[in-house]
PDB file of N, CA and C in Angstrom:
ATOM      1  N   ALA A   1     135.198-110.673  57.274  1.00  0.00           N
ATOM      2  CA  ALA A   1     134.062-109.838  56.897  1.00  0.00           C
ATOM      3  C   ALA A   1     133.073-109.687  58.047  1.00  0.00           C
ATOM      4  N   ASP A   2     133.079-110.627  58.972  1.00  0.00           N
ATOM      5  CA  ASP A   2     132.115-110.644  60.073  1.00  0.00           C
ATOM      6  C   ASP A   2     132.812-110.533  61.418  1.00  0.00           C
ATOM      7  N   MET A   3     133.756-109.614  61.548  1.00  0.00           N
ATOM      8  CA  MET A   3     134.492-109.417  62.801  1.00  0.00           C
ATOM      9  C   MET A   3     135.195-110.696  63.255  1.00  0.00           C
ATOM     10  N   GLY A   4     135.719-111.470  62.316  1.00  0.00           N
ATOM     11  CA  GLY A   4     136.447-112.683  62.654  1.00  0.00           C
ATOM     12  C   GLY A   4     135.622-113.950  62.621  1.00  0.00           C
ATOM     13  N   TYR A   5     134.315-113.831  62.405  1.00  0.00           N
ATOM     14  CA  TYR A   5     133.456-115.009  62.389  1.00  0.00           C
ATOM     15  C   TYR A   5     133.188-115.516  60.982  1.00  0.00           C
ATOM     16  N   ASP A   6     133.781-114.897  59.986  1.00  0.00           N
ATOM     17  CA  ASP A   6     133.575-115.259  58.587  1.00  0.00           C
ATOM     18  C   ASP A   6     134.703-116.204  58.154  1.00  0.00           C
ATOM     19  N   VAL A   7     134.788-117.357  58.803  1.00  0.00           N
ATOM     20  CA  VAL A   7     135.902-118.279  58.599  1.00  0.00           C
ATOM     21  C   VAL A   7     135.702-119.070  57.311  1.00  0.00           C
ATOM     22  N   SER A   8     136.705-118.995  56.435  1.00  0.00           N
ATOM     23  CA  SER A   8     136.625-119.757  55.193  1.00  0.00           C
ATOM     24  C   SER A   8     137.679-120.850  55.125  1.00  0.00           C
ATOM     25  N   ASP A   9     138.648-120.841  56.056  1.00  0.00           N
ATOM     26  CA  ASP A   9     139.720-121.845  56.040  1.00  0.00           C
ATOM     27  C   ASP A   9     140.129-122.168  57.476  1.00  0.00           C
ATOM     28  N   TYR A  10     139.754-123.345  57.946  1.00  0.00           N
ATOM     29  CA  TYR A  10     140.106-123.771  59.302  1.00  0.00           C
ATOM     30  C   TYR A  10     141.486-124.408  59.371  1.00  0.00           C
ATOM     31  N   LEU A  11     142.197-124.493  58.247  1.00  0.00           N
ATOM     32  CA  LEU A  11     143.489-125.172  58.212  1.00  0.00           C
ATOM     33  C   LEU A  11     144.669-124.206  58.130  1.00  0.00           C
ATOM     34  N   ASP A  12     144.410-122.902  58.241  1.00  0.00           N
ATOM     35  CA  ASP A  12     145.482-121.928  58.120  1.00  0.00           C
ATOM     36  C   ASP A  12     145.267-120.824  59.148  1.00  0.00           C
ATOM     37  N   VAL A  13     146.253-119.955  59.262  1.00  0.00           N
ATOM     38  CA  VAL A  13     146.228-118.831  60.187  1.00  0.00           C
ATOM     39  C   VAL A  13     145.833-117.576  59.410  1.00  0.00           C
ATOM     40  N   ASP A  14     144.992-116.743  60.013  1.00  0.00           N
ATOM     41  CA  ASP A  14     144.660-115.472  59.375  1.00  0.00           C
ATOM     42  C   ASP A  14     145.952-114.690  59.177  1.00  0.00           C
ATOM     43  N   PRO A  15     146.187-114.174  57.977  1.00  0.00           N
ATOM     44  CA  PRO A  15     147.438-113.475  57.677  1.00  0.00           C
ATOM     45  C   PRO A  15     147.759-112.315  58.619  1.00  0.00           C
ATOM     46  N   ILE A  16     146.754-111.719  59.254  1.00  0.00           N
ATOM     47  CA  ILE A  16     147.057-110.617  60.180  1.00  0.00           C
ATOM     48  C   ILE A  16     147.849-111.112  61.388  1.00  0.00           C
ATOM     49  N   PHE A  17     147.830-112.436  61.629  1.00  0.00           N
ATOM     50  CA  PHE A  17     148.566-113.014  62.755  1.00  0.00           C
ATOM     51  C   PHE A  17     149.863-113.691  62.317  1.00  0.00           C
ATOM     52  N   GLY A  18     150.174-113.676  61.045  1.00  0.00           N
ATOM     53  CA  GLY A  18     151.389-114.304  60.545  1.00  0.00           C
ATOM     54  C   GLY A  18     151.065-115.491  59.667  1.00  0.00           C
ATOM     55  N   THR A  19     151.967-116.476  59.694  1.00  0.00           N
ATOM     56  CA  THR A  19     151.804-117.672  58.850  1.00  0.00           C
ATOM     57  C   THR A  19     151.665-118.908  59.726  1.00  0.00           C
ATOM     58  N   LEU A  20     151.331-120.003  59.101  1.00  0.00           N
ATOM     59  CA  LEU A  20     151.255-121.264  59.834  1.00  0.00           C
ATOM     60  C   LEU A  20     152.637-121.644  60.367  1.00  0.00           C
ATOM     61  N   ALA A  21     153.687-121.323  59.616  1.00  0.00           N
ATOM     62  CA  ALA A  21     155.060-121.576  60.088  1.00  0.00           C
ATOM     63  C   ALA A  21     155.361-120.733  61.331  1.00  0.00           C
ATOM     64  N   ASP A  22     154.882-119.486  61.359  1.00  0.00           N
ATOM     65  CA  ASP A  22     155.052-118.641  62.545  1.00  0.00           C
ATOM     66  C   ASP A  22     154.364-119.273  63.750  1.00  0.00           C
ATOM     67  N   PHE A  23     153.155-119.787  63.528  1.00  0.00           N
ATOM     68  CA  PHE A  23     152.405-120.425  64.612  1.00  0.00           C
ATOM     69  C   PHE A  23     153.135-121.668  65.110  1.00  0.00           C
ATOM     70  N   ASP A  24     153.620-122.485  64.185  1.00  0.00           N
ATOM     71  CA  ASP A  24     154.369-123.688  64.571  1.00  0.00           C
ATOM     72  C   ASP A  24     155.594-123.317  65.402  1.00  0.00           C
ATOM     73  N   ALA A  25     156.290-122.240  65.025  1.00  0.00           N
ATOM     74  CA  ALA A  25     157.470-121.788  65.777  1.00  0.00           C
ATOM     75  C   ALA A  25     157.070-121.293  67.169  1.00  0.00           C
ATOM     76  N   LEU A  26     155.954-120.580  67.246  1.00  0.00           N
ATOM     77  CA  LEU A  26     155.456-120.102  68.529  1.00  0.00           C
ATOM     78  C   LEU A  26     155.147-121.268  69.465  1.00  0.00           C
ATOM     79  N   VAL A  27     154.451-122.271  68.950  1.00  0.00           N
ATOM     80  CA  VAL A  27     154.092-123.436  69.763  1.00  0.00           C
ATOM     81  C   VAL A  27     155.349-124.192  70.199  1.00  0.00           C
ATOM     82  N   ALA A  28     156.289-124.371  69.286  1.00  0.00           N
ATOM     83  CA  ALA A  28     157.531-125.074  69.627  1.00  0.00           C
ATOM     84  C   ALA A  28     158.281-124.338  70.736  1.00  0.00           C
ATOM     85  N   GLU A  29     158.377-123.018  70.619  1.00  0.00           N
ATOM     86  CA  GLU A  29     159.080-122.232  71.648  1.00  0.00           C
ATOM     87  C   GLU A  29     158.326-122.264  72.973  1.00  0.00           C
ATOM     88  N   ALA A  30     157.017-122.163  72.920  1.00  0.00           N
ATOM     89  CA  ALA A  30     156.214-122.241  74.145  1.00  0.00           C
ATOM     90  C   ALA A  30     156.430-123.586  74.831  1.00  0.00           C
ATOM     91  N   HIS A  31     156.395-124.660  74.072  1.00  0.00           N
ATOM     92  CA  HIS A  31     156.609-125.992  74.651  1.00  0.00           C
ATOM     93  C   HIS A  31     158.021-126.134  75.212  1.00  0.00           C
ATOM     94  N   ARG A  32     158.985-125.551  74.525  1.00  0.00           N
ATOM     95  CA  ARG A  32     160.364-125.592  75.019  1.00  0.00           C
ATOM     96  C   ARG A  32     160.464-124.912  76.386  1.00  0.00           C
ATOM     97  N   LEU A  33     159.648-123.869  76.576  1.00  0.00           N
ATOM     98  CA  LEU A  33     159.640-123.127  77.833  1.00  0.00           C
ATOM     99  C   LEU A  33     158.693-123.726  78.869  1.00  0.00           C
ATOM    100  N   GLY A  34     158.029-124.833  78.505  1.00  0.00           N
ATOM    101  CA  GLY A  34     157.091-125.476  79.432  1.00  0.00           C
ATOM    102  C   GLY A  34     155.729-124.815  79.481  1.00  0.00           C
ATOM    103  N   LEU A  35     155.422-124.040  78.461  1.00  0.00           N
ATOM    104  CA  LEU A  35     154.132-123.348  78.395  1.00  0.00           C
ATOM    105  C   LEU A  35     153.177-124.081  77.466  1.00  0.00           C
ATOM    106  N   LYS A  36     151.897-123.848  77.680  1.00  0.00           N
ATOM    107  CA  LYS A  36     150.872-124.386  76.783  1.00  0.00           C
ATOM    108  C   LYS A  36     150.250-123.230  76.021  1.00  0.00           C
ATOM    109  N   VAL A  37     149.769-123.510  74.826  1.00  0.00           N
ATOM    110  CA  VAL A  37     149.163-122.479  73.967  1.00  0.00           C
ATOM    111  C   VAL A  37     147.690-122.808  73.779  1.00  0.00           C
ATOM    112  N   PHE A  38     146.842-121.826  74.022  1.00  0.00           N
ATOM    113  CA  PHE A  38     145.411-121.954  73.769  1.00  0.00           C
ATOM    114  C   PHE A  38     145.093-121.139  72.521  1.00  0.00           C
ATOM    115  N   ILE A  39     144.265-121.682  71.651  1.00  0.00           N
ATOM    116  CA  ILE A  39     143.841-120.932  70.471  1.00  0.00           C
ATOM    117  C   ILE A  39     142.320-120.822  70.466  1.00  0.00           C
ATOM    118  N   ASP A  40     141.848-119.802  69.837  1.00  0.00           N
ATOM    119  CA  ASP A  40     140.411-119.570  69.718  1.00  0.00           C
ATOM    120  C   ASP A  40     139.948-120.087  68.367  1.00  0.00           C
ATOM    121  N   GLN A  41     139.177-121.163  68.385  1.00  0.00           N
ATOM    122  CA  GLN A  41     138.600-121.695  67.153  1.00  0.00           C
ATOM    123  C   GLN A  41     137.107-121.434  67.181  1.00  0.00           C
ATOM    124  N   VAL A  42     136.612-120.822  66.143  1.00  0.00           N
ATOM    125  CA  VAL A  42     135.202-120.484  66.053  1.00  0.00           C
ATOM    126  C   VAL A  42     134.547-121.500  65.123  1.00  0.00           C
ATOM    127  N   LEU A  43     134.311-122.693  65.654  1.00  0.00           N
ATOM    128  CA  LEU A  43     133.819-123.785  64.809  1.00  0.00           C
ATOM    129  C   LEU A  43     132.342-123.674  64.453  1.00  0.00           C
ATOM    130  N   SER A  44     131.616-122.832  65.159  1.00  0.00           N
ATOM    131  CA  SER A  44     130.183-122.732  64.866  1.00  0.00           C
ATOM    132  C   SER A  44     129.864-121.637  63.846  1.00  0.00           C
ATOM    133  N   HIS A  45     130.899-121.037  63.258  1.00  0.00           N
ATOM    134  CA  HIS A  45     130.697-119.990  62.253  1.00  0.00           C
ATOM    135  C   HIS A  45     131.559-120.288  61.032  1.00  0.00           C
ATOM    136  N   THR A  46     130.979-120.162  59.869  1.00  0.00           N
ATOM    137  CA  THR A  46     131.760-120.278  58.643  1.00  0.00           C
ATOM    138  C   THR A  46     131.330-119.193  57.661  1.00  0.00           C
ATOM    139  N   SER A  47     132.219-118.904  56.769  1.00  0.00           N
ATOM    140  CA  SER A  47     131.940-117.960  55.697  1.00  0.00           C
ATOM    141  C   SER A  47     130.923-118.560  54.736  1.00  0.00           C
ATOM    142  N   ASP A  48     130.202-117.691  54.045  1.00  0.00           N
ATOM    143  CA  ASP A  48     129.312-118.188  52.996  1.00  0.00           C
ATOM    144  C   ASP A  48     130.116-118.725  51.810  1.00  0.00           C
ATOM    145  N   LYS A  49     131.431-118.510  51.831  1.00  0.00           N
ATOM    146  CA  LYS A  49     132.323-119.040  50.794  1.00  0.00           C
ATOM    147  C   LYS A  49     132.883-120.417  51.169  1.00  0.00           C
ATOM    148  N   HIS A  50     132.709-120.831  52.422  1.00  0.00           N
ATOM    149  CA  HIS A  50     133.266-122.105  52.886  1.00  0.00           C
ATOM    150  C   HIS A  50     132.559-123.274  52.200  1.00  0.00           C
ATOM    151  N   ALA A  51     133.313-124.325  51.889  1.00  0.00           N
ATOM    152  CA  ALA A  51     132.766-125.493  51.175  1.00  0.00           C
ATOM    153  C   ALA A  51     131.612-126.137  51.935  1.00  0.00           C
ATOM    154  N   TRP A  52     131.683-126.188  53.267  1.00  0.00           N
ATOM    155  CA  TRP A  52     130.594-126.795  54.045  1.00  0.00           C
ATOM    156  C   TRP A  52     129.301-126.017  53.840  1.00  0.00           C
ATOM    157  N   PHE A  53     129.392-124.677  53.895  1.00  0.00           N
ATOM    158  CA  PHE A  53     128.211-123.840  53.720  1.00  0.00           C
ATOM    159  C   PHE A  53     127.653-123.989  52.313  1.00  0.00           C
ATOM    160  N   GLN A  54     128.546-123.957  51.327  1.00  0.00           N
ATOM    161  CA  GLN A  54     128.118-124.093  49.936  1.00  0.00           C
ATOM    162  C   GLN A  54     127.380-125.414  49.720  1.00  0.00           C
ATOM    163  N   GLU A  55     127.913-126.500  50.276  1.00  0.00           N
ATOM    164  CA  GLU A  55     127.240-127.793  50.118  1.00  0.00           C
ATOM    165  C   GLU A  55     125.913-127.816  50.860  1.00  0.00           C
ATOM    166  N   SER A  56     125.880-127.258  52.066  1.00  0.00           N
ATOM    167  CA  SER A  56     124.652-127.254  52.857  1.00  0.00           C
ATOM    168  C   SER A  56     123.528-126.512  52.150  1.00  0.00           C
ATOM    169  N   ARG A  57     123.855-125.386  51.538  1.00  0.00           N
ATOM    170  CA  ARG A  57     122.812-124.601  50.890  1.00  0.00           C
ATOM    171  C   ARG A  57     122.460-125.101  49.492  1.00  0.00           C
ATOM    172  N   SER A  58     123.218-126.067  48.973  1.00  0.00           N
ATOM    173  CA  SER A  58     122.993-126.528  47.606  1.00  0.00           C
ATOM    174  C   SER A  58     121.690-127.313  47.447  1.00  0.00           C
ATOM    175  N   SER A  59     121.253-127.984  48.517  1.00  0.00           N
ATOM    176  CA  SER A  59     120.067-128.830  48.399  1.00  0.00           C
ATOM    177  C   SER A  59     119.575-129.246  49.780  1.00  0.00           C
ATOM    178  N   ARG A  60     118.274-129.408  49.899  1.00  0.00           N
ATOM    179  CA  ARG A  60     117.715-129.924  51.156  1.00  0.00           C
ATOM    180  C   ARG A  60     118.111-131.383  51.375  1.00  0.00           C
ATOM    181  N   ASP A  61     118.558-132.043  50.303  1.00  0.00           N
ATOM    182  CA  ASP A  61     118.975-133.444  50.391  1.00  0.00           C
ATOM    183  C   ASP A  61     120.486-133.602  50.546  1.00  0.00           C
ATOM    184  N   SER A  62     121.202-132.498  50.636  1.00  0.00           N
ATOM    185  CA  SER A  62     122.655-132.536  50.779  1.00  0.00           C
ATOM    186  C   SER A  62     123.046-133.255  52.067  1.00  0.00           C
ATOM    187  N   ALA A  63     124.182-133.926  52.043  1.00  0.00           N
ATOM    188  CA  ALA A  63     124.683-134.611  53.242  1.00  0.00           C
ATOM    189  C   ALA A  63     124.943-133.625  54.378  1.00  0.00           C
ATOM    190  N   LYS A  64     125.156-132.367  54.044  1.00  0.00           N
ATOM    191  CA  LYS A  64     125.423-131.354  55.060  1.00  0.00           C
ATOM    192  C   LYS A  64     124.246-130.377  55.215  1.00  0.00           C
ATOM    193  N   SER A  65     123.089-130.744  54.744  1.00  0.00           N
ATOM    194  CA  SER A  65     121.943-129.826  54.798  1.00  0.00           C
ATOM    195  C   SER A  65     121.576-129.455  56.232  1.00  0.00           C
ATOM    196  N   ASP A  66     121.872-130.338  57.184  1.00  0.00           N
ATOM    197  CA  ASP A  66     121.530-130.036  58.573  1.00  0.00           C
ATOM    198  C   ASP A  66     122.719-129.490  59.369  1.00  0.00           C
ATOM    199  N   TRP A  67     123.778-129.104  58.690  1.00  0.00           N
ATOM    200  CA  TRP A  67     124.939-128.529  59.369  1.00  0.00           C
ATOM    201  C   TRP A  67     124.689-127.064  59.734  1.00  0.00           C
ATOM    202  N   TYR A  68     123.643-126.466  59.165  1.00  0.00           N
ATOM    203  CA  TYR A  68     123.286-125.069  59.428  1.00  0.00           C
ATOM    204  C   TYR A  68     121.794-125.015  59.702  1.00  0.00           C
ATOM    205  N   VAL A  69     121.367-123.958  60.360  1.00  0.00           N
ATOM    206  CA  VAL A  69     119.957-123.763  60.645  1.00  0.00           C
ATOM    207  C   VAL A  69     119.375-122.945  59.504  1.00  0.00           C
ATOM    208  N   TRP A  70     118.438-123.550  58.781  1.00  0.00           N
ATOM    209  CA  TRP A  70     117.808-122.887  57.643  1.00  0.00           C
ATOM    210  C   TRP A  70     116.351-122.630  58.005  1.00  0.00           C
ATOM    211  N   ALA A  71     115.815-121.511  57.561  1.00  0.00           N
ATOM    212  CA  ALA A  71     114.414-121.179  57.803  1.00  0.00           C
ATOM    213  C   ALA A  71     113.816-120.619  56.528  1.00  0.00           C
ATOM    214  N   GLU A  72     112.537-120.838  56.352  1.00  0.00           N
ATOM    215  CA  GLU A  72     111.849-120.287  55.191  1.00  0.00           C
ATOM    216  C   GLU A  72     111.848-118.757  55.305  1.00  0.00           C
ATOM    217  N   ALA A  73     112.087-118.107  54.201  1.00  0.00           N
ATOM    218  CA  ALA A  73     112.077-116.643  54.191  1.00  0.00           C
ATOM    219  C   ALA A  73     110.673-116.121  54.439  1.00  0.00           C
ATOM    220  N   LYS A  74     110.597-115.025  55.143  1.00  0.00           N
ATOM    221  CA  LYS A  74     109.292-114.389  55.362  1.00  0.00           C
ATOM    222  C   LYS A  74     108.981-113.524  54.157  1.00  0.00           C
ATOM    223  N   PRO A  75     107.686-113.366  53.847  1.00  0.00           N
ATOM    224  CA  PRO A  75     107.318-112.548  52.693  1.00  0.00           C
ATOM    225  C   PRO A  75     107.788-111.101  52.837  1.00  0.00           C
TER     226      PRO A  75
END
């Protein structure tokens, strides 16, 4: 939803790139050929649907309340 920055699952591959099995096969073949694979992980962005975000916004006392930058709304 956010040009790729709306990450809701860090444990899977975006379907537009295939499946996790496809990725595993790619890495295995690259390693067989002596190549290394770099991936782009956007760890500083999560979807508003992600569990970390949901917990952070649930309460100022949440264990993850400081995982995001929150500011008081302006009038």
